[in-house]
Structure formats: structure tokens, C-alpha cells
């Protein structure tokens, strides 16, 4: 029974109900996202509060059954130790999707626990377990995590350097806008990502030249991780030949 259950809940499992189970859970996740979105519409939520509560209970029951199924279907040979299994990323996401509901059942009025409602967003990440495309993306990113980490550190380093340079150039002319290196880092983020909100910008000649160089640098800097991920996809497709 445990072996059959494991085949049902596995992506591309051999059981006849495996595909149906994947489609069902994926559909429930999408509905849960729509439910959460509509719940933020104050007038709609207040007018149909009971309906929203009932739907939330229904979703929670479904996700709870799925989580228990995964616990029962644990296999030491394939999953390693039980602790590493329950604390894996996928299982933690499943658990976080349940926490908000069960915390509301506590008899203690712990209003600060309302922040755990944010964990309902974790249901979005449950899609990665059932969607092949998202699963492939996670594999590629995991394979290139060392290079991506190095690039991320490099971006942070460049961000600090350009923010410090711009602070020393623009602070005498705009002491309020460029009041410190930390505040200037907001300008650095907006410029390096080529967003440029326009709330903070250089007005001195040297500052404008430096800002232009940094904007161009940002285009090339953020193209590096794009190239790394693209090469990772090519490697992944060659190894797997994109066969079903």
C-alpha cells in the first residue's frame, strides 16, 4: 500500500492515478492562489466571509491529506533519513502551506501570529513539485548555484563600490538625497538594474558621467547570470534530450 501511494504522489509515477493526482493538486494550488488574491478584496471578503472560510478549510484538508500521504510514503532507501526528508525544501513548503490555518485554531489571542498568514504564499511553490518546466528550472539553478553565488557576491561588491563613489561625488551638492552610503545604495540598485526611478539622480557633471558608466555596467553585469542559466539549460537539454 505504501509503495502504491508513493507511486501516486510521485511526479511521473507509474500508478494509473499518478497523473490525475498531479493535475488535481496543481489545480487546487491555482485555486488557492486565486482564493488568497480575492480575499484581499475587502468588500468581497466581508460580504462572503463564511464562503471564504469554508474554502480555506477545504484547501487545508486537501493539503493536510497530501502531506500525511508523503509522510506515510517515506522510503529510507530513496529519501535518506526521516529528518532530512521532513526538513527538505519541498516538505517544508508543504508544511508552511498548512501552518497559517492551524495557528488560527489556538485558543490564545496571539495577534502577532497573523504574520504567519504570509506563509500561505508557500502554496505557489508547491507547483514546482508537479510542473516539469519548473522542476527543470530548479535543477538547472541547483547545478549552477556555485557560479550564481559568485556572481551575486560580485554584484553586491560592485553595488557597494559604485554607491560609495557616487556618495562622495554627489553628497556636497545633494546632502539630503545622497546623505550616506547606505541611502545612496538605493540609487545604486535602481541604476544597476537600469530601472532608474528618478527619485534620486546625480546633478553634477562628474556624477552624471559616473552614473552613465554605472548604468552601462549594470546591463553587462546582469547579463552574466542570464548567460550562466542559459548555458545550464543547454547542458540539461543535451543530457536529457528533453524526452518525456
Protein backbone atom coordinates (compact mmCIF):
# COMPACT_ATOMS: atom_id res chain seq x y z
CA UNK A 1 0.00 0.00 0.00
CA UNK A 2 2.84 2.39 0.86
CA UNK A 3 4.55 1.55 -2.45
CA UNK A 4 1.37 2.29 -4.39
CA UNK A 5 0.84 5.54 -2.50
CA UNK A 6 4.40 6.56 -3.28
CA UNK A 7 3.84 5.95 -6.99
CA UNK A 8 0.66 8.03 -6.87
CA UNK A 9 2.26 11.09 -5.27
CA UNK A 10 5.47 10.92 -7.32
CA UNK A 11 5.76 13.13 -10.37
CA UNK A 12 5.57 10.79 -13.41
CA UNK A 13 4.75 7.89 -11.13
CA UNK A 14 3.85 4.53 -12.64
CA UNK A 15 0.47 4.29 -10.93
CA UNK A 16 -2.60 4.90 -13.11
CA UNK A 17 -3.75 7.64 -10.74
CA UNK A 18 -0.41 9.46 -10.64
CA UNK A 19 -1.14 11.91 -13.48
CA UNK A 20 -4.64 12.58 -12.18
CA UNK A 21 -3.22 13.27 -8.71
CA UNK A 22 -0.69 15.75 -10.14
CA UNK A 23 -3.37 17.58 -12.12
CA UNK A 24 -5.70 17.67 -9.11
CA UNK A 25 -3.14 19.10 -6.68
CA UNK A 26 -1.91 21.62 -9.27
CA UNK A 27 -5.48 22.76 -9.85
CA UNK A 28 -6.06 23.09 -6.10
CA UNK A 29 -2.89 25.18 -5.76
CA UNK A 30 -4.07 27.54 -8.52
CA UNK A 31 -7.48 27.81 -6.89
CA UNK A 32 -5.83 28.50 -3.54
CA UNK A 33 -3.83 31.32 -5.11
CA UNK A 34 -7.00 32.81 -6.63
CA UNK A 35 -8.73 32.42 -3.25
CA UNK A 36 -5.92 34.24 -1.45
CA UNK A 37 -5.97 37.03 -4.06
CA UNK A 38 -9.73 37.55 -3.86
CA UNK A 39 -9.56 37.50 -0.06
CA UNK A 40 -7.57 40.74 -0.15
CA UNK A 41 -10.59 42.46 -1.73
CA UNK A 42 -12.07 43.85 1.48
CA UNK A 43 -15.66 44.35 0.31
CA UNK A 44 -15.83 40.93 -1.33
CA UNK A 45 -14.33 39.20 1.69
CA UNK A 46 -16.67 40.88 4.17
CA UNK A 47 -19.72 40.06 2.05
CA UNK A 48 -18.79 36.37 1.69
CA UNK A 49 -16.71 35.76 4.81
CA UNK A 50 -18.27 32.36 5.53
CA UNK A 51 -17.66 31.14 1.98
CA UNK A 52 -14.01 32.17 2.10
CA UNK A 53 -13.56 30.40 5.45
CA UNK A 54 -15.18 27.22 4.14
CA UNK A 55 -12.98 27.17 1.04
CA UNK A 56 -9.88 27.72 3.16
CA UNK A 57 -10.84 24.78 5.38
CA UNK A 58 -11.38 22.63 2.29
CA UNK A 59 -7.97 23.54 0.84
CA UNK A 60 -6.31 22.88 4.18
CA UNK A 61 -7.89 19.43 4.44
CA UNK A 62 -6.66 18.55 0.95
CA UNK A 63 -3.12 19.77 1.61
CA UNK A 64 -3.08 18.06 5.01
CA UNK A 65 -4.04 14.72 3.44
CA UNK A 66 -1.34 15.18 0.81
CA UNK A 67 1.25 15.97 3.49
CA UNK A 68 0.27 12.89 5.53
CA UNK A 69 0.45 10.77 2.38
CA UNK A 70 4.02 11.92 1.83
CA UNK A 71 4.93 11.09 5.41
CA UNK A 72 3.43 7.61 5.09
CA UNK A 73 5.14 7.06 1.73
CA UNK A 74 8.60 7.80 3.15
CA UNK A 75 11.24 5.40 1.84
CA UNK A 76 14.62 5.31 3.56
CA UNK A 77 16.44 3.92 0.52
CA UNK A 78 15.34 6.76 -1.75
CA UNK A 79 14.82 9.60 0.73
CA UNK A 80 17.65 9.04 3.21
CA UNK A 81 16.97 9.73 6.88
CA UNK A 82 13.49 10.71 8.01
CA UNK A 83 14.73 14.00 9.46
CA UNK A 84 16.40 15.05 6.21
CA UNK A 85 13.21 14.09 4.40
CA UNK A 86 10.78 16.14 6.51
CA UNK A 87 13.18 19.11 6.51
CA UNK A 88 13.73 19.02 2.75
CA UNK A 89 12.72 22.11 0.80
CA UNK A 90 9.63 20.51 -0.77
CA UNK A 91 8.34 19.11 2.53
CA UNK A 92 8.93 22.41 4.33
CA UNK A 93 6.93 24.21 1.64
CA UNK A 94 4.10 21.72 2.13
CA UNK A 95 4.22 22.32 5.88
CA UNK A 96 4.33 26.11 5.56
CA UNK A 97 1.22 25.95 3.41
CA UNK A 98 -0.63 24.42 6.38
CA UNK A 99 0.73 26.45 9.30
CA UNK A 100 -1.44 29.58 8.86
CA UNK A 101 -4.71 27.68 9.26
CA UNK A 102 -3.71 25.60 12.27
CA UNK A 103 -2.28 28.61 14.10
CA UNK A 104 -5.69 30.28 13.95
CA UNK A 105 -7.13 27.38 15.95
CA UNK A 106 -5.13 28.27 19.06
CA UNK A 107 -7.33 29.47 21.94
CA UNK A 108 -4.77 32.13 22.83
CA UNK A 109 -5.21 35.54 21.25
CA UNK A 110 -1.78 35.88 19.72
CA UNK A 111 -2.42 38.65 17.23
CA UNK A 112 1.19 38.85 16.17
CA UNK A 113 0.86 35.33 14.78
CA UNK A 114 -1.20 36.79 11.96
CA UNK A 115 2.07 37.34 10.14
CA UNK A 116 2.14 33.60 9.52
CA UNK A 117 -0.71 34.16 7.06
CA UNK A 118 2.09 35.17 4.70
CA UNK A 119 3.11 31.51 4.62
CA UNK A 120 0.05 30.83 2.50
CA UNK A 121 2.12 32.17 -0.37
CA UNK A 122 4.18 28.98 0.02
CA UNK A 123 1.40 27.18 -1.85
CA UNK A 124 2.68 28.82 -5.01
CA UNK A 125 5.98 26.95 -4.65
CA UNK A 126 4.12 23.64 -4.43
CA UNK A 127 3.69 23.93 -8.19
CA UNK A 128 7.37 23.12 -8.67
CA UNK A 129 6.71 19.58 -7.46
CA UNK A 130 4.18 18.88 -10.20
CA UNK A 131 5.26 21.07 -13.12
CA UNK A 132 8.03 19.61 -15.29
CA UNK A 133 9.15 23.00 -16.59
CA UNK A 134 9.50 24.48 -13.10
CA UNK A 135 11.22 21.28 -11.96
CA UNK A 136 13.72 21.63 -14.80
CA UNK A 137 14.42 25.25 -13.85
CA UNK A 138 15.13 24.24 -10.25
CA UNK A 139 17.55 21.55 -11.44
CA UNK A 140 19.42 23.99 -13.70
CA UNK A 141 19.69 26.62 -10.95
CA UNK A 142 20.89 23.99 -8.48
CA UNK A 143 23.55 22.80 -10.95
CA UNK A 144 24.82 26.37 -11.41
CA UNK A 145 24.39 27.53 -7.82
CA UNK A 146 28.14 27.96 -7.22
CA UNK A 147 28.61 30.26 -10.21
CA UNK A 148 25.40 32.15 -9.47
CA UNK A 149 26.53 32.66 -5.87
CA UNK A 150 29.84 34.11 -7.06
CA UNK A 151 28.02 36.46 -9.44
CA UNK A 152 25.63 37.53 -6.68
CA UNK A 153 28.56 38.37 -4.38
CA UNK A 154 30.21 40.26 -7.25
CA UNK A 155 27.03 42.29 -7.81
CA UNK A 156 26.89 43.19 -4.12
CA UNK A 157 30.56 44.22 -4.24
CA UNK A 158 30.02 46.41 -7.32
CA UNK A 159 26.87 47.88 -5.77
CA UNK A 160 28.79 48.99 -2.71
CA UNK A 161 31.69 50.43 -4.70
CA UNK A 162 29.51 52.48 -7.07
CA UNK A 163 27.33 53.69 -4.19
CA UNK A 164 30.36 54.81 -2.23
CA UNK A 165 31.82 56.61 -5.26
CA UNK A 166 28.54 58.36 -6.02
CA UNK A 167 28.13 59.38 -2.37
CA UNK A 168 31.48 61.16 -2.28
CA UNK A 169 30.80 62.83 -5.65
CA UNK A 170 27.19 63.95 -5.05
CA UNK A 171 26.97 64.46 -1.28
CA UNK A 172 28.41 68.00 -1.33
CA UNK A 173 25.81 69.06 -3.94
CA UNK A 174 22.86 66.97 -2.64
CA UNK A 175 23.39 66.26 1.07
CA UNK A 176 19.76 65.23 1.55
CA UNK A 177 19.43 62.90 -1.45
CA UNK A 178 22.88 61.31 -1.02
CA UNK A 179 23.04 61.56 2.77
CA UNK A 180 25.03 58.36 3.34
CA UNK A 181 26.45 55.37 1.52
CA UNK A 182 23.53 53.24 2.66
CA UNK A 183 20.96 55.70 1.31
CA UNK A 184 22.95 56.01 -1.91
CA UNK A 185 22.74 52.23 -2.33
CA UNK A 186 19.06 52.68 -3.25
CA UNK A 187 20.21 54.79 -6.20
CA UNK A 188 22.82 52.13 -6.96
CA UNK A 189 20.23 49.35 -7.08
CA UNK A 190 17.90 51.39 -9.33
CA UNK A 191 20.77 52.29 -11.68
CA UNK A 192 22.49 48.90 -11.88
CA UNK A 193 19.16 47.25 -12.68
CA UNK A 194 18.55 50.01 -15.25
CA UNK A 195 15.19 50.80 -13.64
CA UNK A 196 16.02 54.37 -12.74
CA UNK A 197 13.03 55.56 -10.72
CA UNK A 198 14.19 59.17 -10.93
CA UNK A 199 13.64 59.95 -7.25
CA UNK A 200 17.40 60.21 -6.73
CA UNK A 201 19.76 61.19 -9.54
CA UNK A 202 23.14 62.96 -9.93
CA UNK A 203 23.22 66.63 -10.87
CA UNK A 204 26.96 67.32 -11.00
CA UNK A 205 28.94 66.79 -14.19
CA UNK A 206 31.17 64.13 -12.69
CA UNK A 207 28.16 62.45 -11.10
CA UNK A 208 26.32 62.27 -14.44
CA UNK A 209 29.35 60.73 -16.15
CA UNK A 210 29.74 58.22 -13.33
CA UNK A 211 26.02 57.45 -13.42
CA UNK A 212 26.12 56.79 -17.17
CA UNK A 213 29.09 54.43 -16.81
CA UNK A 214 27.38 52.58 -13.96
CA UNK A 215 24.13 52.23 -15.95
CA UNK A 216 26.02 50.67 -18.87
CA UNK A 217 27.96 48.48 -16.45
CA UNK A 218 24.68 47.26 -14.95
CA UNK A 219 23.46 45.96 -18.31
CA UNK A 220 26.55 43.81 -18.73
CA UNK A 221 26.68 42.77 -15.11
CA UNK A 222 23.17 41.36 -15.07
CA UNK A 223 23.69 39.67 -18.43
CA UNK A 224 26.25 37.32 -16.84
CA UNK A 225 23.80 35.26 -14.71
CA UNK A 226 21.45 35.14 -17.71
CA UNK A 227 24.21 33.56 -19.77
CA UNK A 228 25.05 31.10 -16.98
CA UNK A 229 21.45 29.96 -16.69
CA UNK A 230 21.09 29.73 -20.48
CA UNK A 231 24.20 27.53 -20.72
CA UNK A 232 22.82 25.43 -17.87
CA UNK A 233 19.61 24.82 -19.83
CA UNK A 234 21.59 23.80 -22.91
CA UNK A 235 23.59 21.31 -20.85
CA UNK A 236 20.43 19.98 -19.23
CA UNK A 237 18.65 19.54 -22.57
CA UNK A 238 21.65 17.76 -24.09
CA UNK A 239 21.86 15.34 -21.16
CA UNK A 240 18.15 14.61 -21.05
CA UNK A 241 17.37 15.22 -24.74
CA UNK A 242 14.08 16.65 -23.50
CA UNK A 243 12.40 13.25 -23.65
CA UNK A 244 9.21 12.58 -21.72
